[in-house]
Amino acid sequence: MIRRTDDLSLQARARFDAIIDVRSPSEFAHDHIPGAINLPVLDDAERAEVGTVYVQTSKFLARRIGAAKVARNIAAHLDAALGDRDGAFRPLVHCWRGGQRSGAMAAVMDQIGWPVTVLDGGYRTWRRRVQTALYGPADDLTVILLDGGTGSGKTEVLARLADRGVQTLDLEGLARHRGSLFGAWRDRPQPSQALFESRLFTALEALDPARPVVVEAESSRIGARTVPPALWRAMGRASVIELSAPVAARAAFSARAYADIGADPDAVEAVLGRLPPHHSRDTISAWKALARSGATETLAASLIAEHYDPAYRRQSARRDRPLLGRVEMSAVSYPELDRAAGEIADTLSRGEGFCSQRLAP
């Protein structure tokens, strides 16, 4: 018997051995339930072919051609991706609306004897759940922002906080972007806005709302992706812990962290060409010359002092957020980042006011 459900809670999803998305690869790439596997009953070319026949020739012929292709594709999945599943396999199957494509896969699985469930409403049920959470109130989320100037090691400290059991949310990791002009990940494009939101939603639903979550301070856009309203509002009312280090120390760290793009002078020059127009032509030319000469640390220091830090001070002046404290580091080195994370984690675990401290090198 084919079961049906519209329950996509974390607990409900965990009851299935696999979530099988039978939409085409392009639909899956645009957005999908995180953790789902894509076993398309029609690939993109086949779907386009069947649709063309349906509109231009004959609905009957389109259905016959489509049925043959669907049957062959399902057979291939049974032999390959599903070939090692035993009789206790419990799949949740869905397509776009929970209609013909998921129905075809579910019918075969039911005949095999697998206790298969079809998602009512298909992918659209998932998308509505994500939008309701990320575009609704989200008043139960308590955020603490980890802030600091460019090169202060915020992402590194965030990862170390997670290792210490602190609840964290890595927006840059979810968005596949480091959140600055130079932040694109080489050879790894950003997910679509919808997929970014799906990944963000699943990260949020795994959190304990009774505990605060530490989030790196970002602008409302991370590369080409936008932080959804509910989280952005929570970040806007958050208290702040600030990391501080000298320009030279931050420049040295930035040169290491951005070594991938620093090794490509053409890519650096392209980014410099997108800087705001208030920088003089001579200044930008000097930065491009540093990029061409491979002086990445000198370039980073100049950009921090003349571009990033002034922008950071302007943004900080406009914000009205309580400062829990500041951790000062004389170098952005791995030992000091470890100590910074340990100090922050200890203070958060005690629930006390955060005292400004200087961490010795």
Protein backbone atom coordinates (compact mmCIF):
# COMPACT_ATOMS: atom_id res chain seq x y z
CA MET A 1 0.00 0.00 0.00
CA ILE A 2 1.35 3.42 -0.98
CA ARG A 3 1.31 5.80 1.97
CA ARG A 4 1.06 9.58 1.65
CA THR A 5 2.21 12.36 3.97
CA ASP A 6 2.77 16.09 4.07
CA ASP A 7 4.79 15.98 7.31
CA LEU A 8 8.33 17.19 6.64
CA SER A 9 9.40 17.86 10.20
CA LEU A 10 12.92 16.88 11.17
CA GLN A 11 11.58 13.93 13.15
CA ALA A 12 9.34 12.75 10.30
CA ARG A 13 12.15 12.91 7.74
CA ALA A 14 14.41 10.90 10.03
CA ARG A 15 11.96 7.96 9.88
CA PHE A 16 12.77 7.33 6.22
CA ASP A 17 15.83 5.49 4.94
CA ALA A 18 16.04 7.80 1.93
CA ILE A 19 14.29 10.82 0.48
CA ILE A 20 14.13 10.22 -3.27
CA ASP A 21 13.62 13.23 -5.52
CA VAL A 22 12.51 11.98 -8.94
CA ARG A 23 12.54 15.39 -10.63
CA SER A 24 14.98 16.19 -13.43
CA PRO A 25 18.63 16.97 -12.60
CA SER A 26 18.21 20.70 -13.31
CA GLU A 27 15.22 20.93 -10.97
CA PHE A 28 17.20 19.10 -8.29
CA ALA A 29 20.26 21.33 -8.78
CA HIS A 30 18.16 24.46 -8.36
CA ASP A 31 16.83 23.32 -4.98
CA HIS A 32 16.08 20.15 -3.09
CA ILE A 33 15.57 18.80 0.39
CA PRO A 34 19.08 18.57 1.87
CA GLY A 35 20.10 14.94 2.10
CA ALA A 36 17.75 13.84 -0.69
CA ILE A 37 19.07 11.75 -3.58
CA ASN A 38 18.17 12.48 -7.18
CA LEU A 39 16.80 9.51 -9.13
CA PRO A 40 15.05 11.22 -12.05
CA VAL A 41 12.34 9.32 -13.87
CA LEU A 42 12.88 11.75 -16.77
CA ASP A 43 16.10 13.65 -17.34
CA ASP A 44 16.09 17.23 -18.64
CA ALA A 45 16.29 16.31 -22.31
CA GLU A 46 13.60 13.62 -21.98
CA ARG A 47 11.29 15.95 -20.09
CA ALA A 48 11.70 18.62 -22.78
CA GLU A 49 11.05 16.06 -25.54
CA VAL A 50 7.88 14.73 -23.92
CA GLY A 51 6.64 18.27 -23.26
CA THR A 52 7.21 19.27 -26.88
CA VAL A 53 5.30 16.25 -28.19
CA TYR A 54 2.49 16.96 -25.71
CA VAL A 55 2.06 20.54 -26.94
CA GLN A 56 2.82 20.17 -30.64
CA THR A 57 1.71 16.66 -31.60
CA SER A 58 -0.44 14.50 -29.35
CA LYS A 59 -1.15 14.16 -25.65
CA PHE A 60 -1.57 10.40 -26.09
CA LEU A 61 1.74 10.04 -27.92
CA ALA A 62 3.50 12.15 -25.29
CA ARG A 63 2.17 9.95 -22.51
CA ARG A 64 3.20 6.78 -24.35
CA ILE A 65 6.71 8.05 -25.05
CA GLY A 66 7.01 9.38 -21.52
CA ALA A 67 5.83 6.11 -19.97
CA ALA A 68 8.45 4.13 -21.91
CA LYS A 69 11.24 6.47 -20.82
CA VAL A 70 10.03 6.49 -17.21
CA ALA A 71 9.93 2.69 -17.16
CA ARG A 72 13.49 2.42 -18.50
CA ASN A 73 14.81 5.00 -16.04
CA ILE A 74 13.13 3.38 -13.04
CA ALA A 75 14.55 0.00 -14.09
CA ALA A 76 18.02 1.52 -14.30
CA HIS A 77 17.68 3.01 -10.79
CA LEU A 78 16.53 -0.35 -9.41
CA ASP A 79 19.60 -2.03 -10.87
CA ALA A 80 22.07 0.68 -9.80
CA ALA A 81 21.34 3.18 -6.99
CA LEU A 82 18.71 0.96 -5.33
CA GLY A 83 20.30 -2.37 -6.14
CA ASP A 84 21.51 -3.06 -2.59
CA ARG A 85 18.30 -2.15 -0.73
CA ASP A 86 16.58 -4.98 1.14
CA GLY A 87 12.89 -5.50 1.83
CA ALA A 88 12.84 -3.20 4.85
CA PHE A 89 13.84 -0.13 2.80
CA ARG A 90 11.55 2.82 3.67
CA PRO A 91 11.70 5.55 1.01
CA LEU A 92 9.93 8.89 0.82
CA VAL A 93 9.38 9.77 -2.85
CA HIS A 94 8.48 13.12 -4.34
CA CYS A 95 8.44 15.10 -7.56
CA TRP A 96 7.34 18.70 -8.18
CA ARG A 97 3.69 18.38 -7.09
CA GLY A 98 3.44 14.80 -5.84
CA GLY A 99 1.80 13.71 -9.07
CA GLN A 100 2.62 11.46 -12.00
CA ARG A 101 6.39 11.22 -11.72
CA SER A 102 6.48 10.30 -8.04
CA GLY A 103 3.37 8.15 -8.55
CA ALA A 104 5.16 6.06 -11.18
CA MET A 105 8.18 5.44 -8.98
CA ALA A 106 6.01 4.70 -5.95
CA ALA A 107 3.84 2.23 -7.87
CA VAL A 108 6.88 0.15 -8.82
CA MET A 109 8.32 0.33 -5.31
CA ASP A 110 4.99 -0.76 -3.85
CA GLN A 111 4.88 -3.77 -6.18
CA ILE A 112 8.38 -4.73 -5.07
CA GLY A 113 7.16 -4.68 -1.47
CA TRP A 114 8.90 -1.63 -0.11
CA PRO A 115 6.84 0.45 2.37
CA VAL A 116 6.93 3.55 0.16
CA THR A 117 5.49 6.96 1.03
CA VAL A 118 4.69 9.76 -1.41
CA LEU A 119 5.04 13.38 -0.33
CA ASP A 120 1.74 15.18 -0.88
CA GLY A 121 2.36 18.39 -2.77
CA GLY A 122 5.87 17.27 -3.70
CA TYR A 123 8.75 19.73 -3.63
CA ARG A 124 6.30 22.61 -3.26
CA THR A 125 5.37 21.33 0.22
CA TRP A 126 9.03 21.58 1.20
CA ARG A 127 9.43 25.05 -0.31
CA ARG A 128 6.39 26.37 1.57
CA ARG A 129 7.84 25.03 4.83
CA VAL A 130 11.16 26.77 4.21
CA GLN A 131 9.55 30.08 3.24
CA THR A 132 7.22 30.06 6.23
CA ALA A 133 10.17 29.65 8.59
CA LEU A 134 12.59 32.08 6.94
CA TYR A 135 10.13 34.79 5.99
CA GLY A 136 8.02 34.61 9.17
CA PRO A 137 8.60 36.04 12.66
CA ALA A 138 11.38 33.71 14.03
CA ASP A 139 11.15 35.55 17.36
CA ASP A 140 12.45 32.51 19.28
CA LEU A 141 15.94 32.77 17.80
CA THR A 142 18.63 34.37 19.99
CA VAL A 143 21.68 35.39 17.99
CA ILE A 144 25.11 36.58 19.13
CA LEU A 145 27.15 38.20 16.39
CA LEU A 146 30.86 37.51 16.05
CA ASP A 147 32.19 40.74 14.55
CA GLY A 148 35.54 42.26 13.73
CA GLY A 149 37.51 43.87 10.94
CA THR A 150 38.56 42.07 7.78
CA GLY A 151 41.22 39.46 8.51
CA SER A 152 40.43 39.08 12.21
CA GLY A 153 39.74 35.36 11.82
CA LYS A 154 36.00 35.35 12.48
CA THR A 155 35.33 32.25 10.37
CA GLU A 156 38.20 30.39 12.04
CA VAL A 157 36.93 31.30 15.51
CA LEU A 158 33.38 30.30 14.55
CA ALA A 159 34.60 26.82 13.57
CA ARG A 160 36.53 26.51 16.82
CA LEU A 161 33.45 27.54 18.81
CA ALA A 162 31.48 24.77 17.09
CA ASP A 163 34.19 22.28 18.07
CA ARG A 164 33.70 23.39 21.67
CA GLY A 165 29.97 22.68 21.59
CA VAL A 166 28.78 26.25 21.07
CA GLN A 167 25.78 26.55 18.74
CA THR A 168 26.96 28.26 15.56
CA LEU A 169 25.61 29.05 12.12
CA ASP A 170 28.11 29.23 9.26
CA LEU A 171 26.39 31.48 6.73
CA GLU A 172 29.48 31.73 4.53
CA GLY A 173 29.75 27.96 4.32
CA LEU A 174 26.06 27.62 3.46
CA ALA A 175 26.33 30.35 0.82
CA ARG A 176 29.72 29.14 -0.50
CA HIS A 177 31.13 32.64 -0.32
CA ARG A 178 33.49 34.40 2.09
CA GLY A 179 31.34 37.50 2.24
CA SER A 180 33.64 40.08 0.70
CA LEU A 181 34.60 41.41 -2.71
CA PHE A 182 37.27 38.72 -2.88
CA GLY A 183 35.05 36.08 -1.29
CA ALA A 184 34.08 33.88 -4.24
CA TRP A 185 35.18 30.24 -3.93
CA ARG A 186 37.23 29.24 -6.95
CA ASP A 187 35.54 26.56 -9.07
CA ARG A 188 32.64 26.30 -6.60
CA PRO A 189 29.66 28.42 -7.64
CA GLN A 190 27.16 29.63 -5.09
CA PRO A 191 23.93 27.68 -4.68
CA SER A 192 20.71 29.22 -5.91
CA GLN A 193 18.86 31.44 -3.43
CA ALA A 194 16.31 28.67 -2.91
CA LEU A 195 18.97 26.03 -2.20
CA PHE A 196 20.81 28.40 0.13
CA GLU A 197 17.54 28.86 2.02
CA SER A 198 16.92 25.11 2.18
CA ARG A 199 20.38 24.53 3.64
CA LEU A 200 19.91 27.41 6.07
CA PHE A 201 16.51 26.08 7.17
CA THR A 202 17.87 22.61 7.91
CA ALA A 203 20.74 24.14 9.88
CA LEU A 204 18.32 26.24 11.91
CA GLU A 205 15.87 23.43 12.66
CA ALA A 206 18.70 21.39 14.17
CA LEU A 207 19.43 24.13 16.75
CA ASP A 208 18.17 24.27 20.32
CA PRO A 209 16.07 27.48 20.51
CA ALA A 210 16.71 27.69 24.25
CA ARG A 211 20.41 28.34 23.59
CA PRO A 212 21.96 31.27 21.72
CA VAL A 213 23.56 30.73 18.35
CA VAL A 214 26.76 32.52 17.32
CA VAL A 215 26.70 33.89 13.78
CA GLU A 216 29.45 35.73 11.96
CA ALA A 217 28.44 39.34 11.33
CA GLU A 218 27.59 39.71 7.66
CA SER A 219 25.88 42.19 5.40
CA SER A 220 22.42 41.26 4.19
CA ARG A 221 24.03 39.79 1.07
CA ILE A 222 26.70 37.11 1.01
CA GLY A 223 28.00 37.25 -2.50
CA ALA A 224 24.87 36.97 -4.64
CA ARG A 225 22.78 35.35 -1.92
CA THR A 226 20.49 37.26 0.46
CA VAL A 227 20.03 36.51 4.16
CA PRO A 228 16.27 35.83 4.58
CA PRO A 229 14.24 38.37 6.59
CA ALA A 230 13.62 36.30 9.72
CA LEU A 231 17.30 35.64 10.34
CA TRP A 232 18.28 39.17 9.32
CA ARG A 233 15.91 40.61 11.92
CA ALA A 234 17.39 38.32 14.58
CA MET A 235 20.89 39.44 13.59
CA GLY A 236 19.77 43.08 13.76
CA ARG A 237 18.80 42.79 17.42
CA ALA A 238 21.80 40.63 18.39
CA SER A 239 24.51 41.42 20.89
CA VAL A 240 28.09 41.52 19.60
CA ILE A 241 31.41 39.98 20.47
CA GLU A 242 34.20 41.71 18.58
CA LEU A 243 37.59 40.36 17.54
CA SER A 244 40.37 42.91 17.25
CA ALA A 245 43.92 42.69 15.88
CA PRO A 246 46.44 45.09 14.31
CA VAL A 247 46.29 45.77 10.58
CA ALA A 248 49.60 44.01 9.91
CA ALA A 249 48.43 40.86 11.67
CA ARG A 250 45.13 40.86 9.80
CA ALA A 251 46.89 41.47 6.48
CA ALA A 252 49.17 38.48 7.03
CA PHE A 253 46.19 36.27 7.86
CA SER A 254 44.19 37.54 4.87
CA ALA A 255 47.08 36.84 2.50
CA ARG A 256 47.08 33.23 3.70
CA ALA A 257 43.30 32.84 3.73
CA TYR A 258 42.88 34.27 0.23
CA ALA A 259 45.97 32.67 -1.27
CA ASP A 260 43.83 31.03 -3.97
CA ILE A 261 42.68 34.30 -5.50
CA GLY A 262 45.95 36.06 -4.65
CA ALA A 263 47.74 33.64 -6.94
CA ASP A 264 45.65 34.90 -9.87
CA PRO A 265 46.55 38.57 -10.56
CA ASP A 266 43.94 38.82 -13.32
CA ALA A 267 41.19 37.76 -10.91
CA VAL A 268 42.43 40.26 -8.30
CA GLU A 269 42.48 43.06 -10.85
CA ALA A 270 38.95 42.19 -11.95
CA VAL A 271 37.73 42.50 -8.35
CA LEU A 272 39.62 45.76 -7.82
CA GLY A 273 37.85 47.13 -10.86
CA ARG A 274 34.53 46.71 -9.00
CA LEU A 275 35.53 48.82 -5.99
CA PRO A 276 33.39 51.86 -5.14
CA PRO A 277 34.20 54.97 -7.18
CA HIS A 278 35.35 57.04 -4.17
CA HIS A 279 38.78 55.39 -4.46
CA SER A 280 41.03 57.40 -6.77
CA ARG A 281 42.29 56.02 -10.04
CA ASP A 282 45.87 56.29 -8.74
CA THR A 283 45.02 54.27 -5.64
CA ILE A 284 43.39 51.48 -7.62
CA SER A 285 46.31 51.47 -10.09
CA ALA A 286 48.74 51.10 -7.18
CA TRP A 287 46.70 48.16 -5.82
CA LYS A 288 46.68 46.50 -9.23
CA ALA A 289 50.45 46.92 -9.44
CA LEU A 290 50.82 45.19 -6.07
CA ALA A 291 48.64 42.34 -7.32
CA ARG A 292 50.73 41.94 -10.47
CA SER A 293 53.95 41.90 -8.45
CA GLY A 294 52.65 39.23 -6.08
CA ALA A 295 52.85 41.50 -3.01
CA THR A 296 49.62 40.10 -1.62
CA GLU A 297 50.32 40.89 2.03
CA THR A 298 51.17 44.52 1.26
CA LEU A 299 48.05 44.73 -0.91
CA ALA A 300 45.93 43.24 1.88
CA ALA A 301 47.29 45.74 4.41
CA SER A 302 46.54 48.68 2.12
CA LEU A 303 43.03 47.44 1.33
CA ILE A 304 42.28 46.88 5.03
CA ALA A 305 43.54 50.33 6.04
CA GLU A 306 42.04 52.31 3.17
CA HIS A 307 38.92 50.37 2.17
CA TYR A 308 37.69 47.74 4.63
CA ASP A 309 38.36 49.41 8.00
CA PRO A 310 36.73 52.75 7.05
CA ALA A 311 33.67 50.84 5.80
CA TYR A 312 33.61 48.77 9.00
CA ARG A 313 33.74 51.90 11.17
CA ARG A 314 30.88 53.49 9.21
CA GLN A 315 28.74 50.39 9.56
CA SER A 316 29.52 50.05 13.28
CA ALA A 317 28.55 53.66 13.89
CA ARG A 318 25.14 53.06 12.34
CA ARG A 319 24.41 49.97 14.43
CA ASP A 320 22.82 50.11 17.85
CA ARG A 321 23.84 46.73 19.22
CA PRO A 322 25.05 45.95 22.74
CA LEU A 323 28.73 45.00 22.85
CA LEU A 324 29.25 41.97 25.05
CA GLY A 325 33.00 42.42 24.84
CA ARG A 326 36.10 42.51 22.72
CA VAL A 327 38.88 39.97 22.34
CA GLU A 328 42.16 41.60 21.37
CA MET A 329 44.83 39.58 19.61
CA SER A 330 48.34 40.69 18.79
CA ALA A 331 48.50 38.22 15.90
CA VAL A 332 45.86 36.29 13.99
CA SER A 333 47.62 32.98 14.51
CA TYR A 334 46.12 29.55 15.09
CA PRO A 335 47.13 29.44 18.79
CA GLU A 336 45.54 32.83 19.45
CA LEU A 337 42.43 31.93 17.51
CA ASP A 338 42.18 28.82 19.69
CA ARG A 339 42.51 30.92 22.82
CA ALA A 340 39.96 33.44 21.56
CA ALA A 341 37.46 30.67 20.90
CA GLY A 342 38.12 29.10 24.29
CA GLU A 343 37.61 32.39 26.10
CA ILE A 344 34.37 33.11 24.27
CA ALA A 345 33.05 29.56 24.77
CA ASP A 346 33.85 29.59 28.49
CA THR A 347 32.12 32.92 28.97
CA LEU A 348 29.04 31.89 26.99
CA SER A 349 28.76 28.62 28.89
CA ARG A 350 28.71 30.54 32.18
CA GLY A 351 26.12 32.98 30.84
CA GLU A 352 28.04 35.89 32.33
CA GLY A 353 28.83 39.32 30.99
CA PHE A 354 31.75 39.24 28.61
CA CYS A 355 34.86 41.06 29.81
CA SER A 356 37.33 42.58 27.36
CA GLN A 357 40.57 40.64 27.39
CA ARG A 358 43.86 40.75 25.59
CA LEU A 359 45.15 37.36 24.58
CA ALA A 360 48.90 37.07 24.81
CA PRO A 361 50.73 35.70 21.78
